[in-house]
C-alpha atoms as a PDB file:
ATOM      1  CA  MET A   1       7.354  13.270 -36.549  1.00  0.00           C
ATOM      2  CA  GLN A   2       8.332  15.584 -33.723  1.00  0.00           C
ATOM      3  CA  LYS A   3       5.114  14.777 -31.834  1.00  0.00           C
ATOM      4  CA  LYS A   4       6.043  11.097 -31.943  1.00  0.00           C
ATOM      5  CA  ASP A   5       9.462  11.872 -30.425  1.00  0.00           C
ATOM      6  CA  VAL A   6       7.832  13.883 -27.636  1.00  0.00           C
ATOM      7  CA  LEU A   7       5.397  11.052 -26.903  1.00  0.00           C
ATOM      8  CA  ASN A   8       8.221   8.506 -26.902  1.00  0.00           C
ATOM      9  CA  ARG A   9      10.163  10.600 -24.375  1.00  0.00           C
ATOM     10  CA  LYS A  10       7.075  10.945 -22.186  1.00  0.00           C
ATOM     11  CA  ASN A  11       6.390   7.213 -22.376  1.00  0.00           C
ATOM     12  CA  SER A  12      10.001   6.468 -21.467  1.00  0.00           C
ATOM     13  CA  LEU A  13       9.700   8.681 -18.422  1.00  0.00           C
ATOM     14  CA  VAL A  14       6.495   6.955 -17.301  1.00  0.00           C
ATOM     15  CA  ASN A  15       8.149   3.547 -17.757  1.00  0.00           C
ATOM     16  CA  LYS A  16      11.192   4.707 -15.789  1.00  0.00           C
ATOM     17  CA  HIS A  17       9.039   5.842 -12.863  1.00  0.00           C
ATOM     18  CA  LEU A  18       6.902   2.702 -13.031  1.00  0.00           C
ATOM     19  CA  CYS A  19       9.949   0.406 -12.971  1.00  0.00           C
ATOM     20  CA  ASN A  20      11.532   2.397 -10.148  1.00  0.00           C
ATOM     21  CA  PHE A  21       8.286   2.153  -8.171  1.00  0.00           C
ATOM     22  CA  ILE A  22       8.053  -1.620  -8.700  1.00  0.00           C
ATOM     23  CA  GLU A  23      11.693  -2.012  -7.700  1.00  0.00           C
ATOM     24  CA  SER A  24      11.297   0.003  -4.506  1.00  0.00           C
ATOM     25  CA  LYS A  25       8.096  -1.784  -3.522  1.00  0.00           C
ATOM     26  CA  PHE A  26       8.862  -5.407  -4.375  1.00  0.00           C
ATOM     27  CA  LEU A  27      12.406  -5.957  -5.634  1.00  0.00           C
ATOM     28  CA  ARG A  28      14.760  -4.887  -2.850  1.00  0.00           C
ATOM     29  CA  GLU A  29      14.400  -8.186  -1.031  1.00  0.00           C
ATOM     30  CA  TYR A  30      12.574 -11.177  -2.404  1.00  0.00           C
ATOM     31  CA  TYR A  31      10.008 -13.162  -0.458  1.00  0.00           C
ATOM     32  CA  ASN A  32       7.934 -16.208  -1.175  1.00  0.00           C
ATOM     33  CA  GLN A  33       4.265 -16.191  -0.224  1.00  0.00           C
ATOM     34  CA  GLU A  34       5.099 -17.447   3.263  1.00  0.00           C
ATOM     35  CA  GLY A  35       7.289 -14.386   3.870  1.00  0.00           C
ATOM     36  CA  ILE A  36      10.606 -16.247   3.683  1.00  0.00           C
ATOM     37  CA  VAL A  37      13.512 -14.465   2.002  1.00  0.00           C
ATOM     38  CA  ILE A  38      14.470 -16.113  -1.295  1.00  0.00           C
ATOM     39  CA  THR A  39      16.844 -15.445  -4.185  1.00  0.00           C
ATOM     40  CA  GLN A  40      16.068 -13.336  -7.245  1.00  0.00           C
ATOM     41  CA  ASN A  41      15.973 -16.472  -9.395  1.00  0.00           C
ATOM     42  CA  GLN A  42      13.500 -18.164  -7.053  1.00  0.00           C
ATOM     43  CA  TYR A  43      11.338 -15.036  -6.967  1.00  0.00           C
ATOM     44  CA  ALA A  44      11.354 -14.765 -10.753  1.00  0.00           C
ATOM     45  CA  LYS A  45      10.262 -18.386 -11.067  1.00  0.00           C
ATOM     46  CA  LEU A  46       7.426 -17.878  -8.570  1.00  0.00           C
ATOM     47  CA  CYS A  47       6.255 -14.821 -10.526  1.00  0.00           C
ATOM     48  CA  GLY A  48       6.492 -16.579 -13.892  1.00  0.00           C
ATOM     49  CA  ILE A  49       9.055 -14.130 -15.272  1.00  0.00           C
ATOM     50  CA  THR A  50      12.786 -14.341 -15.932  1.00  0.00           C
ATOM     51  CA  SER A  51      15.546 -13.165 -13.640  1.00  0.00           C
ATOM     52  CA  SER A  52      16.769 -10.923 -16.471  1.00  0.00           C
ATOM     53  CA  THR A  53      13.367  -9.202 -16.478  1.00  0.00           C
ATOM     54  CA  ILE A  54      13.826  -8.404 -12.799  1.00  0.00           C
ATOM     55  CA  SER A  55      17.288  -7.054 -13.580  1.00  0.00           C
ATOM     56  CA  LYS A  56      15.775  -4.777 -16.254  1.00  0.00           C
ATOM     57  CA  LEU A  57      13.123  -3.550 -13.808  1.00  0.00           C
ATOM     58  CA  LYS A  58      15.900  -2.603 -11.401  1.00  0.00           C
ATOM     59  CA  LEU A  59      17.777  -0.465 -13.932  1.00  0.00           C
ATOM     60  CA  PRO A  60      17.694   3.240 -12.962  1.00  0.00           C
ATOM     61  CA  GLU A  61      16.374   4.116 -16.427  1.00  0.00           C
ATOM     62  CA  GLY A  62      13.778   1.316 -16.341  1.00  0.00           C
ATOM     63  CA  TYR A  63      12.450  -0.307 -19.501  1.00  0.00           C
ATOM     64  CA  ASN A  64       9.204  -0.710 -21.425  1.00  0.00           C
ATOM     65  CA  VAL A  65       7.614  -3.093 -18.945  1.00  0.00           C
ATOM     66  CA  PRO A  66       4.735  -5.192 -20.282  1.00  0.00           C
ATOM     67  CA  MET A  67       1.485  -5.170 -18.346  1.00  0.00           C
ATOM     68  CA  SER A  68       1.735  -8.963 -18.080  1.00  0.00           C
ATOM     69  CA  THR A  69       5.001  -8.614 -16.133  1.00  0.00           C
ATOM     70  CA  ILE A  70       3.413  -6.158 -13.720  1.00  0.00           C
ATOM     71  CA  TYR A  71       0.427  -8.468 -13.326  1.00  0.00           C
ATOM     72  CA  ASN A  72       2.625 -11.514 -12.669  1.00  0.00           C
ATOM     73  CA  ILE A  73       4.511  -9.711  -9.905  1.00  0.00           C
ATOM     74  CA  LEU A  74       1.311  -8.385  -8.354  1.00  0.00           C
ATOM     75  CA  ARG A  75      -0.322 -11.803  -8.521  1.00  0.00           C
ATOM     76  CA  HIS A  76       2.606 -13.312  -6.624  1.00  0.00           C
ATOM     77  CA  GLU A  77       2.528 -10.452  -4.105  1.00  0.00           C
ATOM     78  CA  ARG A  78      -1.246 -10.845  -3.727  1.00  0.00           C
ATOM     79  CA  TYR A  79      -1.632  -7.205  -4.639  1.00  0.00           C
ATOM     80  CA  SER A  80      -4.490  -5.821  -6.709  1.00  0.00           C
ATOM     81  CA  LEU A  81      -3.857  -3.801  -9.833  1.00  0.00           C
ATOM     82  CA  GLU A  82      -6.141  -1.116  -8.465  1.00  0.00           C
ATOM     83  CA  LYS A  83      -4.217  -0.775  -5.205  1.00  0.00           C
ATOM     84  CA  PHE A  84      -0.859  -0.792  -6.972  1.00  0.00           C
ATOM     85  CA  PHE A  85      -1.758   1.886  -9.520  1.00  0.00           C
ATOM     86  CA  LYS A  86      -3.485   4.033  -6.888  1.00  0.00           C
ATOM     87  CA  GLU A  87      -0.282   3.946  -4.809  1.00  0.00           C
ATOM     88  CA  PHE A  88       1.760   4.707  -7.926  1.00  0.00           C
ATOM     89  CA  GLU A  89      -0.484   7.652  -8.769  1.00  0.00           C
ATOM     90  CA  ASN A  90      -0.301   8.944  -5.174  1.00  0.00           C
ATOM     91  CA  ALA A  91       3.489   8.687  -5.222  1.00  0.00           C
ATOM     92  CA  LYS A  92       4.132  10.046  -8.730  1.00  0.00           C
ATOM     93  CA  GLY A  93       1.080  12.135  -9.547  1.00  0.00           C
ATOM     94  CA  VAL A  94      -1.156  11.945 -12.591  1.00  0.00           C
ATOM     95  CA  ASN A  95       0.981  13.972 -15.010  1.00  0.00           C
ATOM     96  CA  ILE A  96       4.416  12.368 -14.771  1.00  0.00           C
ATOM     97  CA  PRO A  97       5.812  13.694 -18.057  1.00  0.00           C
ATOM     98  CA  ASN A  98       5.038  17.317 -17.232  1.00  0.00           C
END
């Protein structure tokens, strides 16, 4: 049981860093695909997610973000998964929980 608790804490830390990275990269100001500043609600709609999901991503502690949410944001931003995760790995390292 203790191993499960350790893994849960490690996963929470990874999710926190992932959410913080998404927030810093895409969620400080919102843009449509033409580069025009828009509201959070408009951005959420363009991404196919809810505004409350964006609010959860912006929490300092993050949340357990589904891969589909990440993909929807990256699709809107015209950003590849490979590029995003490579940048995340470069910024946070490969062993976040340690």
